Amino acid sequence: MLLGSQLRRLREARGITREAAGYSIRASESKISRMELGRVSFKTRDVEDLLTLYGIADDAERQALVGLAREANVAGWWHSYSDVLPNWFPTYVGLEGAAALIRAYEVQFVHGLLQTEAYAHAVVRRGMKGASAADIDRRVALRLERQKYLVAENAPDFHIVLDEAALRRPYGNRDVMREQLQHLIEISERPNVRLQVMPFSFGGHSGESGAFTILSFPDSDLSDVVYLEQLTSALYLDKREDVTQYEQALKELQQDSPGPDESRDLLRGLIQLS
C-alpha cells in the first residue's frame, strides 16, 4: 500500500496515464491500478522501469522505493491469520505496523489497540456471528499481537479520542467492562499514548461522520493514510485534501475534549458507576 501510494503520486505528478504506465512495463492499465492499490506483488524490474518513466533519477530515492517493493513482497506475520480476516484488513495491519504516529477517533467501541482480551472476545463474538470458537480465538489473538506495537522499543505515538458512548456501551459483563476501563487508565499513562474522552456533556462535535484512523509514517516522503472501515469493505484515503479534512476534525475533537488527566478522571468515575 505504501509503495502503491507513492507510485500513484509520482505518476499523477507527471501527468502520466495508467495506460501509458502499463505500456512502459509491458502490462495492462488494470495492473497499474492493482499495483497502486497494493493488491499485487511488485517486480523489482517493473518498479525500476516506472521510476525511470516518472523521472526519478536520484539513486537514494530510487533505492528507497525499490526497498519498499522488496518489503511489500515479504508476507507479514499477520498473513497467517488471513483465513479469519476480511480481505481488506491485512493491508491495514501492515500500515499500522509501519506507522510512527497513529491518530484515531472511536465511537462504537474501544479501539482495537487498547482492548483487553475479555473485551476483545466480546466484540469479536458480536461481529463474527456464527463463527467457531477457534476462529474467534484466532481473531482475538491477532488483535493482542497488534497491541505489542504500543509497548515495543520503537513504539508509535498513539493519540486517541474515545467517545463516551464507546465506554458506556457494554461488551461482556460488568467485570469485563470494569477491567477494560481500568486498562485504559493504565495504558494512557504510557509516554507514547495520549487518550482523551469526548463526553456526552459536550454535545455535537466534529466526529459526526464516525470512526476513523490517520496513519503517519517515519519517511516524510510517504503520504499519510486515512483508514475508514465499512460493513463490507474499507477505504484508504491518501490525497492531501482528504487527509487534511480528517486531521482538522481530529484536531477539533482533541481541542474540545478534556485533556488526558481529566479524561482519566472520567474513566475512574465510570468504573465507580459500573
Protein backbone atom coordinates (compact mmCIF):
# COMPACT_ATOMS: atom_id res chain seq x y z
CA MET A 1 0.00 0.00 0.00
CA LEU A 2 2.80 2.46 0.88
CA LEU A 3 4.68 1.80 -2.35
CA GLY A 4 1.50 1.80 -4.43
CA SER A 5 0.52 5.16 -2.99
CA GLN A 6 3.94 6.58 -3.80
CA LEU A 7 3.86 5.27 -7.35
CA ARG A 8 0.44 6.78 -7.92
CA ARG A 9 1.58 10.14 -6.53
CA LEU A 10 4.62 10.17 -8.83
CA ARG A 11 2.57 9.17 -11.88
CA GLU A 12 -0.08 11.79 -11.29
CA ALA A 13 2.55 14.48 -10.65
CA ARG A 14 3.98 13.79 -14.13
CA GLY A 15 0.55 13.70 -15.75
CA ILE A 16 1.07 10.13 -16.98
CA THR A 17 -1.98 7.91 -17.53
CA ARG A 18 -2.26 4.40 -16.13
CA GLU A 19 -2.42 3.14 -19.70
CA ALA A 20 0.92 4.77 -20.57
CA ALA A 21 2.48 3.49 -17.35
CA GLY A 22 1.25 -0.01 -18.10
CA TYR A 23 2.67 0.13 -21.63
CA SER A 24 6.11 1.04 -20.23
CA ILE A 25 6.27 -2.19 -18.19
CA ARG A 26 4.53 -4.41 -20.75
CA ALA A 27 1.38 -4.60 -18.64
CA SER A 28 -2.25 -3.52 -18.69
CA GLU A 29 -3.81 -0.40 -17.20
CA SER A 30 -5.59 -2.64 -14.67
CA LYS A 31 -2.28 -3.98 -13.40
CA ILE A 32 -1.07 -0.44 -12.73
CA SER A 33 -4.31 0.15 -10.84
CA ARG A 34 -3.77 -3.00 -8.76
CA MET A 35 -0.15 -2.03 -8.06
CA GLU A 36 -1.19 1.40 -6.85
CA LEU A 37 -3.82 -0.13 -4.58
CA GLY A 38 -1.30 -2.60 -3.16
CA ARG A 39 -3.23 -5.61 -4.41
CA VAL A 40 -0.49 -7.29 -6.40
CA SER A 41 3.14 -8.24 -5.78
CA PHE A 42 5.85 -5.93 -7.11
CA LYS A 43 8.58 -6.97 -9.52
CA THR A 44 11.77 -5.00 -8.95
CA ARG A 45 12.23 -4.51 -12.70
CA ASP A 46 8.71 -3.07 -13.05
CA VAL A 47 9.25 -0.63 -10.21
CA GLU A 48 12.60 0.49 -11.63
CA ASP A 49 11.08 1.00 -15.09
CA LEU A 50 8.21 3.04 -13.64
CA LEU A 51 10.60 5.20 -11.63
CA THR A 52 12.56 5.90 -14.83
CA LEU A 53 9.33 6.81 -16.62
CA TYR A 54 8.38 9.13 -13.76
CA GLY A 55 11.74 10.89 -13.92
CA ILE A 56 13.15 9.67 -10.61
CA ALA A 57 16.92 9.78 -11.16
CA ASP A 58 18.17 10.27 -7.61
CA ASP A 59 19.77 6.99 -6.58
CA ALA A 60 18.84 7.26 -2.89
CA GLU A 61 15.18 7.87 -3.70
CA ARG A 62 15.14 5.02 -6.21
CA GLN A 63 16.73 2.60 -3.76
CA ALA A 64 14.27 3.57 -1.00
CA LEU A 65 11.31 2.82 -3.26
CA VAL A 66 12.81 -0.39 -4.62
CA GLY A 67 13.39 -1.40 -0.98
CA LEU A 68 9.70 -0.85 -0.30
CA ALA A 69 8.96 -3.20 -3.21
CA ARG A 70 11.06 -5.94 -1.63
CA GLU A 71 9.41 -5.41 1.75
CA ALA A 72 5.94 -5.47 0.18
CA ASN A 73 6.64 -8.90 -1.25
CA VAL A 74 7.55 -10.37 2.15
CA ALA A 75 4.47 -11.75 3.90
CA GLY A 76 3.94 -10.14 7.29
CA TRP A 77 3.29 -12.14 10.47
CA TRP A 78 -0.42 -11.29 10.19
CA HIS A 79 -0.87 -13.23 6.94
CA SER A 80 -1.15 -16.44 8.95
CA TYR A 81 -4.46 -15.04 10.22
CA SER A 82 -5.82 -14.24 6.77
CA ASP A 83 -8.39 -17.05 6.98
CA VAL A 84 -10.28 -15.21 9.73
CA LEU A 85 -9.85 -11.65 8.44
CA PRO A 86 -11.85 -9.65 5.90
CA ASN A 87 -9.82 -9.27 2.71
CA TRP A 88 -9.25 -5.53 3.21
CA PHE A 89 -7.86 -5.74 6.74
CA PRO A 90 -4.36 -7.24 6.25
CA THR A 91 -3.42 -4.06 4.36
CA TYR A 92 -4.40 -2.01 7.39
CA VAL A 93 -2.40 -4.19 9.79
CA GLY A 94 0.68 -3.74 7.60
CA LEU A 95 0.25 0.04 7.51
CA GLU A 96 -0.39 0.18 11.26
CA GLY A 97 2.83 -1.72 11.92
CA ALA A 98 4.82 0.70 9.75
CA ALA A 99 3.34 3.89 11.26
CA ALA A 100 5.26 6.27 13.51
CA LEU A 101 2.09 8.12 14.55
CA ILE A 102 -1.43 6.71 14.82
CA ARG A 103 -4.30 9.14 15.43
CA ALA A 104 -7.85 7.90 15.82
CA TYR A 105 -11.41 8.59 16.89
CA GLU A 106 -13.73 5.78 18.02
CA VAL A 107 -17.39 5.86 18.91
CA GLN A 108 -18.76 2.29 18.76
CA PHE A 109 -16.23 0.52 20.97
CA VAL A 110 -12.73 0.84 22.41
CA HIS A 111 -10.02 0.93 19.75
CA GLY A 112 -8.54 -2.50 18.99
CA LEU A 113 -5.07 -1.47 20.17
CA LEU A 114 -6.48 -0.76 23.64
CA GLN A 115 -8.85 -3.69 24.18
CA THR A 116 -8.39 -6.24 26.95
CA GLU A 117 -8.59 -9.88 25.94
CA ALA A 118 -12.02 -10.39 27.53
CA TYR A 119 -13.44 -7.23 25.97
CA ALA A 120 -11.95 -8.18 22.58
CA HIS A 121 -13.65 -11.59 22.81
CA ALA A 122 -17.00 -9.90 23.42
CA VAL A 123 -16.51 -7.50 20.49
CA VAL A 124 -15.35 -10.22 18.08
CA ARG A 125 -18.16 -12.60 19.06
CA ARG A 126 -20.65 -9.83 18.30
CA GLY A 127 -19.03 -9.10 14.95
CA MET A 128 -18.48 -12.71 13.84
CA LYS A 129 -21.91 -14.23 14.39
CA GLY A 130 -21.92 -17.94 13.63
CA ALA A 131 -18.11 -18.24 13.69
CA SER A 132 -16.50 -21.13 15.51
CA ALA A 133 -14.86 -20.61 18.88
CA ALA A 134 -11.49 -21.38 17.28
CA ASP A 135 -11.92 -18.66 14.64
CA ILE A 136 -12.96 -16.14 17.27
CA ASP A 137 -9.91 -17.05 19.36
CA ARG A 138 -7.64 -16.53 16.33
CA ARG A 139 -9.11 -13.10 15.56
CA VAL A 140 -8.60 -12.09 19.20
CA ALA A 141 -5.04 -13.45 19.11
CA LEU A 142 -4.29 -11.20 16.13
CA ARG A 143 -5.68 -8.19 17.99
CA LEU A 144 -3.49 -8.92 21.03
CA GLU A 145 -0.47 -9.37 18.75
CA ARG A 146 -1.09 -5.94 17.21
CA GLN A 147 -1.11 -4.40 20.68
CA LYS A 148 2.58 -5.25 21.07
CA TYR A 149 3.26 -2.28 18.77
CA LEU A 150 2.37 0.10 21.61
CA VAL A 151 4.94 -1.32 24.04
CA ALA A 152 7.72 -2.11 21.56
CA GLU A 153 11.10 -0.37 21.71
CA ASN A 154 10.23 1.79 18.70
CA ALA A 155 6.56 2.14 19.57
CA PRO A 156 4.49 4.61 17.56
CA ASP A 157 2.87 7.60 19.19
CA PHE A 158 -0.83 6.87 19.61
CA HIS A 159 -3.32 9.71 20.01
CA ILE A 160 -6.87 8.51 20.54
CA VAL A 161 -10.17 10.25 21.25
CA LEU A 162 -12.82 7.86 22.57
CA ASP A 163 -16.42 8.96 22.53
CA GLU A 164 -18.11 8.41 25.88
CA ALA A 165 -20.57 6.17 24.01
CA ALA A 166 -17.76 3.66 23.42
CA LEU A 167 -17.13 3.49 27.16
CA ARG A 168 -20.74 3.19 28.26
CA ARG A 169 -21.82 0.63 25.66
CA PRO A 170 -21.35 -2.74 27.40
CA TYR A 171 -19.47 -5.57 25.73
CA GLY A 172 -19.36 -8.52 28.09
CA ASN A 173 -20.45 -8.35 31.72
CA ARG A 174 -19.70 -5.75 34.39
CA ASP A 175 -16.37 -7.31 35.30
CA VAL A 176 -15.26 -7.19 31.66
CA MET A 177 -16.17 -3.51 31.36
CA ARG A 178 -14.57 -2.61 34.67
CA GLU A 179 -11.34 -4.35 33.65
CA GLN A 180 -11.42 -2.57 30.29
CA LEU A 181 -11.84 0.86 31.87
CA GLN A 182 -9.00 0.19 34.31
CA HIS A 183 -6.78 -0.93 31.44
CA LEU A 184 -7.46 2.34 29.62
CA ILE A 185 -6.36 4.31 32.68
CA GLU A 186 -3.14 2.33 32.96
CA ILE A 187 -2.14 2.34 29.30
CA SER A 188 -2.99 6.03 28.93
CA GLU A 189 -0.12 6.75 31.31
CA ARG A 190 2.42 5.42 28.82
CA PRO A 191 4.53 8.25 27.34
CA ASN A 192 3.60 7.36 23.75
CA VAL A 193 -0.16 7.20 24.40
CA ARG A 194 -2.42 10.24 24.58
CA LEU A 195 -6.01 9.26 25.43
CA GLN A 196 -8.90 11.69 25.60
CA VAL A 197 -12.61 11.13 26.20
CA MET A 198 -15.24 13.16 24.34
CA PRO A 199 -18.03 13.42 26.94
CA PHE A 200 -21.76 13.40 26.22
CA SER A 201 -21.98 16.73 28.02
CA PHE A 202 -20.14 18.50 25.19
CA GLY A 203 -22.96 17.84 22.74
CA GLY A 204 -22.40 17.71 18.98
CA HIS A 205 -18.79 17.64 17.76
CA SER A 206 -16.55 17.23 14.70
CA GLY A 207 -16.59 13.42 14.83
CA GLU A 208 -20.09 13.32 13.39
CA SER A 209 -19.02 11.22 10.36
CA GLY A 210 -17.98 8.29 12.58
CA ALA A 211 -14.77 6.48 13.48
CA PHE A 212 -11.54 6.99 11.55
CA THR A 213 -7.80 6.43 11.87
CA ILE A 214 -4.95 8.52 10.45
CA LEU A 215 -1.61 6.78 9.92
CA SER A 216 1.65 8.74 9.52
CA PHE A 217 4.99 7.18 8.60
CA PRO A 218 8.64 7.84 9.54
CA ASP A 219 9.61 8.68 5.95
CA SER A 220 8.35 12.20 5.31
CA ASP A 221 8.01 11.38 1.60
CA LEU A 222 5.28 8.84 2.37
CA SER A 223 1.74 10.19 2.34
CA ASP A 224 -0.44 9.97 5.44
CA VAL A 225 -3.32 7.49 5.09
CA VAL A 226 -6.85 7.78 6.47
CA TYR A 227 -8.50 4.43 7.17
CA LEU A 228 -12.29 4.19 7.14
CA GLU A 229 -13.85 0.82 7.87
CA GLN A 230 -17.24 -0.05 6.41
CA LEU A 231 -19.52 -3.06 6.73
CA THR A 232 -18.21 -4.94 3.68
CA SER A 233 -15.03 -3.05 2.77
CA ALA A 234 -12.67 -0.28 3.81
CA LEU A 235 -11.41 2.97 2.32
CA TYR A 236 -7.77 4.08 2.31
CA LEU A 237 -7.53 7.81 1.58
CA ASP A 238 -4.16 9.43 0.91
CA LYS A 239 -4.95 12.51 -1.17
CA ARG A 240 -3.74 15.56 0.73
CA GLU A 241 -7.09 17.33 0.62
CA ASP A 242 -8.87 14.29 2.12
CA VAL A 243 -6.28 13.76 4.85
CA THR A 244 -6.37 17.45 5.77
CA GLN A 245 -10.10 17.34 6.45
CA TYR A 246 -9.75 14.37 8.80
CA GLU A 247 -6.77 15.96 10.51
CA GLN A 248 -8.84 19.08 11.13
CA ALA A 249 -11.72 17.01 12.50
CA LEU A 250 -9.39 15.22 14.90
CA LYS A 251 -7.70 18.46 15.93
CA GLU A 252 -11.11 19.87 16.87
CA LEU A 253 -12.00 16.68 18.76
CA GLN A 254 -8.77 16.97 20.73
CA GLN A 255 -9.33 20.66 21.46
CA ASP A 256 -12.94 20.11 22.54
CA SER A 257 -12.27 17.03 24.70
CA PRO A 258 -10.89 17.15 28.25
CA GLY A 259 -7.14 16.58 28.45
CA PRO A 260 -5.55 13.23 29.36
CA ASP A 261 -5.63 13.84 33.14
CA GLU A 262 -9.27 14.90 33.16
CA SER A 263 -10.10 12.01 30.83
CA ARG A 264 -8.58 9.57 33.33
CA ASP A 265 -10.80 11.11 35.98
CA LEU A 266 -13.81 10.47 33.70
CA LEU A 267 -12.73 6.84 33.36
CA ARG A 268 -12.42 6.48 37.14
CA GLY A 269 -15.93 7.87 37.50
CA LEU A 270 -17.27 5.34 35.00
CA ILE A 271 -15.61 2.50 36.95
CA GLN A 272 -17.45 3.61 40.10
CA LEU A 273 -20.72 3.55 38.17
CA SER A 274 -20.11 0.09 36.67
